[in-house]
Amino acid sequence: MDSTNRNGSGSGRMIWIGVAVGAAVGIGIALTRKKRDRWESARDVTKRISNKSSDMAEVTRDIVDRVKNIYEESRKVVEEANELWSHGRKLVGV
């Protein structure tokens, strides 16, 4: 019966040691984490944006080119529609 009690209390002790180690690690992580204020977060965002500014410039250039193409094609469609309208009016005699 003594060996059973020893083994039972030994495993209980190991569980408590595991809980204590886990709590210590959790507290250590919580204490080492630095709380950040809004200004630090804003600085980090601007740093990330400045690091990717060349990518953003390239993407913006692509978007502007696409918008320019859409504008050109739309202008051509409007001109053709105007010509068709004029031609239709001539056919009708108005």
PDB file of N, CA and C in Angstrom:
ATOM      1  N   MET A   1       0.806  -1.175   0.000  1.00  0.00           N
ATOM      2  CA  MET A   1       0.000   0.000   0.000  1.00  0.00           C
ATOM      3  C   MET A   1       0.860   1.253   0.000  1.00  0.00           C
ATOM      4  N   ASP A   2       2.036   1.149   0.610  1.00  0.00           N
ATOM      5  CA  ASP A   2       2.934   2.295   0.638  1.00  0.00           C
ATOM      6  C   ASP A   2       3.414   2.676  -0.751  1.00  0.00           C
ATOM      7  N   SER A   3       3.721   1.668  -1.582  1.00  0.00           N
ATOM      8  CA  SER A   3       4.216   1.948  -2.918  1.00  0.00           C
ATOM      9  C   SER A   3       3.131   2.610  -3.768  1.00  0.00           C
ATOM     10  N   THR A   4       1.870   2.266  -3.546  1.00  0.00           N
ATOM     11  CA  THR A   4       0.778   2.868  -4.293  1.00  0.00           C
ATOM     12  C   THR A   4       0.624   4.340  -3.904  1.00  0.00           C
ATOM     13  N   ASN A   5       0.729   4.645  -2.651  1.00  0.00           N
ATOM     14  CA  ASN A   5       0.615   6.021  -2.197  1.00  0.00           C
ATOM     15  C   ASN A   5       1.777   6.864  -2.702  1.00  0.00           C
ATOM     16  N   ARG A   6       2.946   6.242  -2.690  1.00  0.00           N
ATOM     17  CA  ARG A   6       4.105   6.988  -3.181  1.00  0.00           C
ATOM     18  C   ARG A   6       3.967   7.300  -4.670  1.00  0.00           C
ATOM     19  N   ASN A   7       3.548   6.318  -5.443  1.00  0.00           N
ATOM     20  CA  ASN A   7       3.376   6.546  -6.875  1.00  0.00           C
ATOM     21  C   ASN A   7       2.259   7.554  -7.136  1.00  0.00           C
ATOM     22  N   GLY A   8       1.176   7.471  -6.400  1.00  0.00           N
ATOM     23  CA  GLY A   8       0.064   8.396  -6.579  1.00  0.00           C
ATOM     24  C   GLY A   8       0.472   9.812  -6.216  1.00  0.00           C
ATOM     25  N   SER A   9       1.180   9.982  -5.125  1.00  0.00           N
ATOM     26  CA  SER A   9       1.585  11.324  -4.725  1.00  0.00           C
ATOM     27  C   SER A   9       2.694  11.836  -5.630  1.00  0.00           C
ATOM     28  N   GLY A  10       3.491  10.928  -6.171  1.00  0.00           N
ATOM     29  CA  GLY A  10       4.552  11.327  -7.094  1.00  0.00           C
ATOM     30  C   GLY A  10       3.974  11.884  -8.386  1.00  0.00           C
ATOM     31  N   SER A  11       2.955  11.249  -8.913  1.00  0.00           N
ATOM     32  CA  SER A  11       2.352  11.756 -10.143  1.00  0.00           C
ATOM     33  C   SER A  11       1.606  13.054  -9.860  1.00  0.00           C
ATOM     34  N   GLY A  12       1.002  13.176  -8.693  1.00  0.00           N
ATOM     35  CA  GLY A  12       0.340  14.420  -8.309  1.00  0.00           C
ATOM     36  C   GLY A  12       1.346  15.555  -8.200  1.00  0.00           C
ATOM     37  N   ARG A  13       2.505  15.223  -7.646  1.00  0.00           N
ATOM     38  CA  ARG A  13       3.571  16.217  -7.532  1.00  0.00           C
ATOM     39  C   ARG A  13       4.049  16.656  -8.913  1.00  0.00           C
ATOM     40  N   MET A  14       4.167  15.707  -9.826  1.00  0.00           N
ATOM     41  CA  MET A  14       4.611  16.029 -11.184  1.00  0.00           C
ATOM     42  C   MET A  14       3.591  16.935 -11.887  1.00  0.00           C
ATOM     43  N   ILE A  15       2.319  16.695 -11.636  1.00  0.00           N
ATOM     44  CA  ILE A  15       1.286  17.534 -12.231  1.00  0.00           C
ATOM     45  C   ILE A  15       1.414  18.955 -11.703  1.00  0.00           C
ATOM     46  N   TRP A  16       1.598  19.092 -10.390  1.00  0.00           N
ATOM     47  CA  TRP A  16       1.733  20.428  -9.802  1.00  0.00           C
ATOM     48  C   TRP A  16       2.989  21.134 -10.301  1.00  0.00           C
ATOM     49  N   ILE A  17       4.065  20.371 -10.480  1.00  0.00           N
ATOM     50  CA  ILE A  17       5.297  20.964 -11.026  1.00  0.00           C
ATOM     51  C   ILE A  17       5.046  21.436 -12.454  1.00  0.00           C
ATOM     52  N   GLY A  18       4.332  20.645 -13.234  1.00  0.00           N
ATOM     53  CA  GLY A  18       4.001  21.037 -14.608  1.00  0.00           C
ATOM     54  C   GLY A  18       3.136  22.282 -14.647  1.00  0.00           C
ATOM     55  N   VAL A  19       2.159  22.350 -13.748  1.00  0.00           N
ATOM     56  CA  VAL A  19       1.302  23.540 -13.674  1.00  0.00           C
ATOM     57  C   VAL A  19       2.131  24.759 -13.292  1.00  0.00           C
ATOM     58  N   ALA A  20       3.037  24.582 -12.330  1.00  0.00           N
ATOM     59  CA  ALA A  20       3.876  25.700 -11.881  1.00  0.00           C
ATOM     60  C   ALA A  20       4.794  26.182 -12.995  1.00  0.00           C
ATOM     61  N   VAL A  21       5.388  25.246 -13.728  1.00  0.00           N
ATOM     62  CA  VAL A  21       6.276  25.622 -14.832  1.00  0.00           C
ATOM     63  C   VAL A  21       5.477  26.338 -15.921  1.00  0.00           C
ATOM     64  N   GLY A  22       4.303  25.831 -16.245  1.00  0.00           N
ATOM     65  CA  GLY A  22       3.469  26.470 -17.251  1.00  0.00           C
ATOM     66  C   GLY A  22       3.052  27.872 -16.835  1.00  0.00           C
ATOM     67  N   ALA A  23       2.692  28.024 -15.568  1.00  0.00           N
ATOM     68  CA  ALA A  23       2.310  29.352 -15.072  1.00  0.00           C
ATOM     69  C   ALA A  23       3.495  30.300 -15.110  1.00  0.00           C
ATOM     70  N   ALA A  24       4.676  29.803 -14.753  1.00  0.00           N
ATOM     71  CA  ALA A  24       5.871  30.647 -14.760  1.00  0.00           C
ATOM     72  C   ALA A  24       6.199  31.106 -16.183  1.00  0.00           C
ATOM     73  N   VAL A  25       6.087  30.199 -17.130  1.00  0.00           N
ATOM     74  CA  VAL A  25       6.349  30.564 -18.523  1.00  0.00           C
ATOM     75  C   VAL A  25       5.320  31.585 -19.000  1.00  0.00           C
ATOM     76  N   GLY A  26       4.060  31.364 -18.673  1.00  0.00           N
ATOM     77  CA  GLY A  26       3.015  32.316 -19.062  1.00  0.00           C
ATOM     78  C   GLY A  26       3.228  33.687 -18.455  1.00  0.00           C
ATOM     79  N   ILE A  27       3.576  33.750 -17.190  1.00  0.00           N
ATOM     80  CA  ILE A  27       3.838  35.029 -16.527  1.00  0.00           C
ATOM     81  C   ILE A  27       5.066  35.692 -17.127  1.00  0.00           C
ATOM     82  N   GLY A  28       6.097  34.891 -17.407  1.00  0.00           N
ATOM     83  CA  GLY A  28       7.313  35.449 -18.022  1.00  0.00           C
ATOM     84  C   GLY A  28       7.027  36.064 -19.379  1.00  0.00           C
ATOM     85  N   ILE A  29       6.236  35.388 -20.182  1.00  0.00           N
ATOM     86  CA  ILE A  29       5.879  35.921 -21.508  1.00  0.00           C
ATOM     87  C   ILE A  29       5.062  37.197 -21.356  1.00  0.00           C
ATOM     88  N   ALA A  30       4.105  37.192 -20.416  1.00  0.00           N
ATOM     89  CA  ALA A  30       3.270  38.374 -20.217  1.00  0.00           C
ATOM     90  C   ALA A  30       4.096  39.570 -19.754  1.00  0.00           C
ATOM     91  N   LEU A  31       5.090  39.341 -18.919  1.00  0.00           N
ATOM     92  CA  LEU A  31       5.910  40.439 -18.414  1.00  0.00           C
ATOM     93  C   LEU A  31       6.897  40.962 -19.448  1.00  0.00           C
ATOM     94  N   THR A  32       7.359  40.094 -20.338  1.00  0.00           N
ATOM     95  CA  THR A  32       8.341  40.541 -21.327  1.00  0.00           C
ATOM     96  C   THR A  32       7.700  41.222 -22.525  1.00  0.00           C
ATOM     97  N   ARG A  33       6.405  41.002 -22.719  1.00  0.00           N
ATOM     98  CA  ARG A  33       5.743  41.669 -23.847  1.00  0.00           C
ATOM     99  C   ARG A  33       5.615  43.144 -23.541  1.00  0.00           C
ATOM    100  N   LYS A  34       6.030  43.941 -24.491  1.00  0.00           N
ATOM    101  CA  LYS A  34       5.990  45.387 -24.320  1.00  0.00           C
ATOM    102  C   LYS A  34       4.658  45.908 -24.827  1.00  0.00           C
ATOM    103  N   LYS A  35       4.002  46.699 -24.010  1.00  0.00           N
ATOM    104  CA  LYS A  35       2.748  47.302 -24.459  1.00  0.00           C
ATOM    105  C   LYS A  35       3.083  48.445 -25.391  1.00  0.00           C
ATOM    106  N   ARG A  36       2.360  48.504 -26.490  1.00  0.00           N
ATOM    107  CA  ARG A  36       2.658  49.507 -27.516  1.00  0.00           C
ATOM    108  C   ARG A  36       1.569  50.571 -27.501  1.00  0.00           C
ATOM    109  N   ASP A  37       2.001  51.803 -27.661  1.00  0.00           N
ATOM    110  CA  ASP A  37       1.007  52.864 -27.746  1.00  0.00           C
ATOM    111  C   ASP A  37       0.679  53.148 -29.208  1.00  0.00           C
ATOM    112  N   ARG A  38      -0.221  54.068 -29.429  1.00  0.00           N
ATOM    113  CA  ARG A  38      -0.696  54.351 -30.787  1.00  0.00           C
ATOM    114  C   ARG A  38       0.415  54.897 -31.677  1.00  0.00           C
ATOM    115  N   TRP A  39       1.294  55.715 -31.108  1.00  0.00           N
ATOM    116  CA  TRP A  39       2.352  56.323 -31.918  1.00  0.00           C
ATOM    117  C   TRP A  39       3.330  55.266 -32.420  1.00  0.00           C
ATOM    118  N   GLU A  40       3.643  54.295 -31.575  1.00  0.00           N
ATOM    119  CA  GLU A  40       4.547  53.223 -32.017  1.00  0.00           C
ATOM    120  C   GLU A  40       3.901  52.408 -33.131  1.00  0.00           C
ATOM    121  N   SER A  41       2.621  52.134 -32.994  1.00  0.00           N
ATOM    122  CA  SER A  41       1.915  51.397 -34.044  1.00  0.00           C
ATOM    123  C   SER A  41       1.902  52.198 -35.338  1.00  0.00           C
ATOM    124  N   ALA A  42       1.669  53.498 -35.238  1.00  0.00           N
ATOM    125  CA  ALA A  42       1.656  54.350 -36.437  1.00  0.00           C
ATOM    126  C   ALA A  42       3.031  54.381 -37.086  1.00  0.00           C
ATOM    127  N   ARG A  43       4.085  54.444 -36.286  1.00  0.00           N
ATOM    128  CA  ARG A  43       5.448  54.429 -36.843  1.00  0.00           C
ATOM    129  C   ARG A  43       5.730  53.118 -37.557  1.00  0.00           C
ATOM    130  N   ASP A  44       5.273  52.020 -36.983  1.00  0.00           N
ATOM    131  CA  ASP A  44       5.479  50.722 -37.632  1.00  0.00           C
ATOM    132  C   ASP A  44       4.759  50.648 -38.972  1.00  0.00           C
ATOM    133  N   VAL A  45       3.552  51.184 -39.025  1.00  0.00           N
ATOM    134  CA  VAL A  45       2.795  51.173 -40.284  1.00  0.00           C
ATOM    135  C   VAL A  45       3.533  51.987 -41.335  1.00  0.00           C
ATOM    136  N   THR A  46       4.015  53.176 -40.963  1.00  0.00           N
ATOM    137  CA  THR A  46       4.719  54.002 -41.949  1.00  0.00           C
ATOM    138  C   THR A  46       6.018  53.334 -42.383  1.00  0.00           C
ATOM    139  N   LYS A  47       6.690  52.634 -41.481  1.00  0.00           N
ATOM    140  CA  LYS A  47       7.915  51.915 -41.877  1.00  0.00           C
ATOM    141  C   LYS A  47       7.600  50.814 -42.874  1.00  0.00           C
ATOM    142  N   ARG A  48       6.516  50.071 -42.605  1.00  0.00           N
ATOM    143  CA  ARG A  48       6.138  48.999 -43.530  1.00  0.00           C
ATOM    144  C   ARG A  48       5.758  49.558 -44.894  1.00  0.00           C
ATOM    145  N   ILE A  49       5.044  50.686 -44.898  1.00  0.00           N
ATOM    146  CA  ILE A  49       4.640  51.287 -46.170  1.00  0.00           C
ATOM    147  C   ILE A  49       5.856  51.802 -46.914  1.00  0.00           C
ATOM    148  N   SER A  50       6.788  52.430 -46.202  1.00  0.00           N
ATOM    149  CA  SER A  50       7.975  52.944 -46.888  1.00  0.00           C
ATOM    150  C   SER A  50       8.848  51.812 -47.419  1.00  0.00           C
ATOM    151  N   ASN A  51       8.857  50.680 -46.734  1.00  0.00           N
ATOM    152  CA  ASN A  51       9.621  49.535 -47.228  1.00  0.00           C
ATOM    153  C   ASN A  51       9.010  48.969 -48.506  1.00  0.00           C
ATOM    154  N   LYS A  52       7.714  49.131 -48.653  1.00  0.00           N
ATOM    155  CA  LYS A  52       7.036  48.584 -49.824  1.00  0.00           C
ATOM    156  C   LYS A  52       6.657  49.674 -50.820  1.00  0.00           C
ATOM    157  N   SER A  53       7.249  50.857 -50.691  1.00  0.00           N
ATOM    158  CA  SER A  53       6.847  51.975 -51.546  1.00  0.00           C
ATOM    159  C   SER A  53       7.151  51.711 -53.020  1.00  0.00           C
ATOM    160  N   SER A  54       8.232  51.001 -53.311  1.00  0.00           N
ATOM    161  CA  SER A  54       8.534  50.708 -54.718  1.00  0.00           C
ATOM    162  C   SER A  54       7.472  49.782 -55.313  1.00  0.00           C
ATOM    163  N   ASP A  55       7.030  48.801 -54.523  1.00  0.00           N
ATOM    164  CA  ASP A  55       5.952  47.916 -54.986  1.00  0.00           C
ATOM    165  C   ASP A  55       4.666  48.701 -55.192  1.00  0.00           C
ATOM    166  N   MET A  56       4.374  49.602 -54.257  1.00  0.00           N
ATOM    167  CA  MET A  56       3.156  50.402 -54.379  1.00  0.00           C
ATOM    168  C   MET A  56       3.221  51.317 -55.593  1.00  0.00           C
ATOM    169  N   ALA A  57       4.401  51.874 -55.873  1.00  0.00           N
ATOM    170  CA  ALA A  57       4.547  52.751 -57.041  1.00  0.00           C
ATOM    171  C   ALA A  57       4.308  51.966 -58.324  1.00  0.00           C
ATOM    172  N   GLU A  58       4.833  50.753 -58.378  1.00  0.00           N
ATOM    173  CA  GLU A  58       4.650  49.923 -59.570  1.00  0.00           C
ATOM    174  C   GLU A  58       3.181  49.544 -59.764  1.00  0.00           C
ATOM    175  N   VAL A  59       2.524  49.167 -58.688  1.00  0.00           N
ATOM    176  CA  VAL A  59       1.112  48.802 -58.768  1.00  0.00           C
ATOM    177  C   VAL A  59       0.280  50.017 -59.164  1.00  0.00           C
ATOM    178  N   THR A  60       0.606  51.177 -58.598  1.00  0.00           N
ATOM    179  CA  THR A  60      -0.121  52.401 -58.940  1.00  0.00           C
ATOM    180  C   THR A  60       0.068  52.744 -60.408  1.00  0.00           C
ATOM    181  N   ARG A  61       1.274  52.567 -60.911  1.00  0.00           N
ATOM    182  CA  ARG A  61       1.557  52.830 -62.318  1.00  0.00           C
ATOM    183  C   ARG A  61       0.722  51.900 -63.200  1.00  0.00           C
ATOM    184  N   ASP A  62       0.634  50.633 -62.821  1.00  0.00           N
ATOM    185  CA  ASP A  62      -0.189  49.681 -63.581  1.00  0.00           C
ATOM    186  C   ASP A  62      -1.659  50.091 -63.568  1.00  0.00           C
ATOM    187  N   ILE A  63      -2.139  50.520 -62.416  1.00  0.00           N
ATOM    188  CA  ILE A  63      -3.538  50.940 -62.320  1.00  0.00           C
ATOM    189  C   ILE A  63      -3.792  52.155 -63.206  1.00  0.00           C
ATOM    190  N   VAL A  64      -2.875  53.110 -63.182  1.00  0.00           N
ATOM    191  CA  VAL A  64      -3.042  54.312 -64.006  1.00  0.00           C
ATOM    192  C   VAL A  64      -3.038  53.933 -65.486  1.00  0.00           C
ATOM    193  N   ASP A  65      -2.160  53.028 -65.879  1.00  0.00           N
ATOM    194  CA  ASP A  65      -2.139  52.585 -67.281  1.00  0.00           C
ATOM    195  C   ASP A  65      -3.460  51.926 -67.672  1.00  0.00           C
ATOM    196  N   ARG A  66      -4.002  51.108 -66.803  1.00  0.00           N
ATOM    197  CA  ARG A  66      -5.273  50.443 -67.098  1.00  0.00           C
ATOM    198  C   ARG A  66      -6.408  51.452 -67.207  1.00  0.00           C
ATOM    199  N   VAL A  67      -6.425  52.429 -66.290  1.00  0.00           N
ATOM    200  CA  VAL A  67      -7.463  53.460 -66.346  1.00  0.00           C
ATOM    201  C   VAL A  67      -7.335  54.256 -67.627  1.00  0.00           C
ATOM    202  N   LYS A  68      -6.086  54.541 -68.036  1.00  0.00           N
ATOM    203  CA  LYS A  68      -5.873  55.274 -69.288  1.00  0.00           C
ATOM    204  C   LYS A  68      -6.402  54.474 -70.477  1.00  0.00           C
ATOM    205  N   ASN A  69      -6.145  53.169 -70.496  1.00  0.00           N
ATOM    206  CA  ASN A  69      -6.658  52.313 -71.575  1.00  0.00           C
ATOM    207  C   ASN A  69      -8.180  52.284 -71.577  1.00  0.00           C
ATOM    208  N   ILE A  70      -8.778  52.190 -70.403  1.00  0.00           N
ATOM    209  CA  ILE A  70     -10.239  52.188 -70.317  1.00  0.00           C
ATOM    210  C   ILE A  70     -10.790  53.508 -70.837  1.00  0.00           C
ATOM    211  N   TYR A  71     -10.155  54.611 -70.479  1.00  0.00           N
ATOM    212  CA  TYR A  71     -10.603  55.927 -70.950  1.00  0.00           C
ATOM    213  C   TYR A  71     -10.515  56.016 -72.469  1.00  0.00           C
ATOM    214  N   GLU A  72      -9.385  55.570 -73.034  1.00  0.00           N
ATOM    215  CA  GLU A  72      -9.206  55.616 -74.489  1.00  0.00           C
ATOM    216  C   GLU A  72     -10.268  54.785 -75.201  1.00  0.00           C
ATOM    217  N   GLU A  73     -10.498  53.570 -74.716  1.00  0.00           N
ATOM    218  CA  GLU A  73     -11.496  52.698 -75.337  1.00  0.00           C
ATOM    219  C   GLU A  73     -12.896  53.290 -75.189  1.00  0.00           C
ATOM    220  N   SER A  74     -13.193  53.860 -74.039  1.00  0.00           N
ATOM    221  CA  SER A  74     -14.506  54.477 -73.831  1.00  0.00           C
ATOM    222  C   SER A  74     -14.689  55.660 -74.771  1.00  0.00           C
ATOM    223  N   ARG A  75     -13.638  56.445 -74.954  1.00  0.00           N
ATOM    224  CA  ARG A  75     -13.705  57.586 -75.864  1.00  0.00           C
ATOM    225  C   ARG A  75     -13.979  57.111 -77.294  1.00  0.00           C
ATOM    226  N   LYS A  76     -13.322  56.023 -77.709  1.00  0.00           N
ATOM    227  CA  LYS A  76     -13.549  55.474 -79.047  1.00  0.00           C
ATOM    228  C   LYS A  76     -14.991  54.994 -79.196  1.00  0.00           C
ATOM    229  N   VAL A  77     -15.523  54.337 -78.169  1.00  0.00           N
ATOM    230  CA  VAL A  77     -16.902  53.847 -78.227  1.00  0.00           C
ATOM    231  C   VAL A  77     -17.871  55.016 -78.356  1.00  0.00           C
ATOM    232  N   VAL A  78     -17.619  56.081 -77.606  1.00  0.00           N
ATOM    233  CA  VAL A  78     -18.501  57.256 -77.682  1.00  0.00           C
ATOM    234  C   VAL A  78     -18.427  57.887 -79.063  1.00  0.00           C
ATOM    235  N   GLU A  79     -17.227  57.979 -79.641  1.00  0.00           N
ATOM    236  CA  GLU A  79     -17.087  58.550 -80.988  1.00  0.00           C
ATOM    237  C   GLU A  79     -17.824  57.701 -82.012  1.00  0.00           C
ATOM    238  N   GLU A  80     -17.693  56.375 -81.916  1.00  0.00           N
ATOM    239  CA  GLU A  80     -18.392  55.498 -82.850  1.00  0.00           C
ATOM    240  C   GLU A  80     -19.902  55.584 -82.670  1.00  0.00           C
ATOM    241  N   ALA A  81     -20.350  55.684 -81.436  1.00  0.00           N
ATOM    242  CA  ALA A  81     -21.790  55.815 -81.190  1.00  0.00           C
ATOM    243  C   ALA A  81     -22.297  57.125 -81.765  1.00  0.00           C
ATOM    244  N   ASN A  82     -21.508  58.176 -81.658  1.00  0.00           N
ATOM    245  CA  ASN A  82     -21.894  59.475 -82.219  1.00  0.00           C
ATOM    246  C   ASN A  82     -21.989  59.397 -83.741  1.00  0.00           C
ATOM    247  N   GLU A  83     -21.020  58.707 -84.361  1.00  0.00           N
ATOM    248  CA  GLU A  83     -21.055  58.537 -85.816  1.00  0.00           C
ATOM    249  C   GLU A  83     -22.277  57.728 -86.235  1.00  0.00           C
ATOM    250  N   LEU A  84     -22.570  56.646 -85.519  1.00  0.00           N
ATOM    251  CA  LEU A  84     -23.747  55.837 -85.835  1.00  0.00           C
ATOM    252  C   LEU A  84     -25.024  56.650 -85.667  1.00  0.00           C
ATOM    253  N   TRP A  85     -25.090  57.457 -84.646  1.00  0.00           N
ATOM    254  CA  TRP A  85     -26.262  58.306 -84.433  1.00  0.00           C
ATOM    255  C   TRP A  85     -26.440  59.290 -85.583  1.00  0.00           C
ATOM    256  N   SER A  86     -25.329  59.903 -85.977  1.00  0.00           N
ATOM    257  CA  SER A  86     -25.393  60.855 -87.084  1.00  0.00           C
ATOM    258  C   SER A  86     -25.817  60.153 -88.367  1.00  0.00           C
ATOM    259  N   HIS A  87     -25.243  58.984 -88.623  1.00  0.00           N
ATOM    260  CA  HIS A  87     -25.573  58.230 -89.828  1.00  0.00           C
ATOM    261  C   HIS A  87     -27.054  57.810 -89.797  1.00  0.00           C
ATOM    262  N   GLY A  88     -27.538  57.392 -88.664  1.00  0.00           N
ATOM    263  CA  GLY A  88     -28.944  57.020 -88.525  1.00  0.00           C
ATOM    264  C   GLY A  88     -29.873  58.187 -88.767  1.00  0.00           C
ATOM    265  N   ARG A  89     -29.501  59.350 -88.293  1.00  0.00           N
ATOM    266  CA  ARG A  89     -30.325  60.541 -88.517  1.00  0.00           C
ATOM    267  C   ARG A  89     -30.362  60.900 -89.994  1.00  0.00           C
ATOM    268  N   LYS A  90     -29.208  60.744 -90.679  1.00  0.00           N
ATOM    269  CA  LYS A  90     -29.164  61.018 -92.127  1.00  0.00           C
ATOM    270  C   LYS A  90     -30.085  60.067 -92.880  1.00  0.00           C
ATOM    271  N   LEU A  91     -30.068  58.775 -92.474  1.00  0.00           N
ATOM    272  CA  LEU A  91     -30.918  57.796 -93.152  1.00  0.00           C
ATOM    273  C   LEU A  91     -32.399  58.094 -92.954  1.00  0.00           C
ATOM    274  N   VAL A  92     -32.749  58.540 -91.761  1.00  0.00           N
ATOM    275  CA  VAL A  92     -34.134  58.838 -91.481  1.00  0.00           C
ATOM    276  C   VAL A  92     -34.548  60.148 -92.143  1.00  0.00           C
ATOM    277  N   GLY A  93     -33.614  61.037 -92.334  1.00  0.00           N
ATOM    278  CA  GLY A  93     -33.887  62.317 -92.992  1.00  0.00           C
ATOM    279  C   GLY A  93     -34.159  63.425 -91.993  1.00  0.00           C
ATOM    280  N   VAL A  94     -33.685  63.302 -90.814  1.00  0.00           N
ATOM    281  CA  VAL A  94     -33.918  64.343 -89.806  1.00  0.00           C
ATOM    282  C   VAL A  94     -32.776  65.316 -89.786  1.00  0.00           C
TER     283      VAL A  94
END
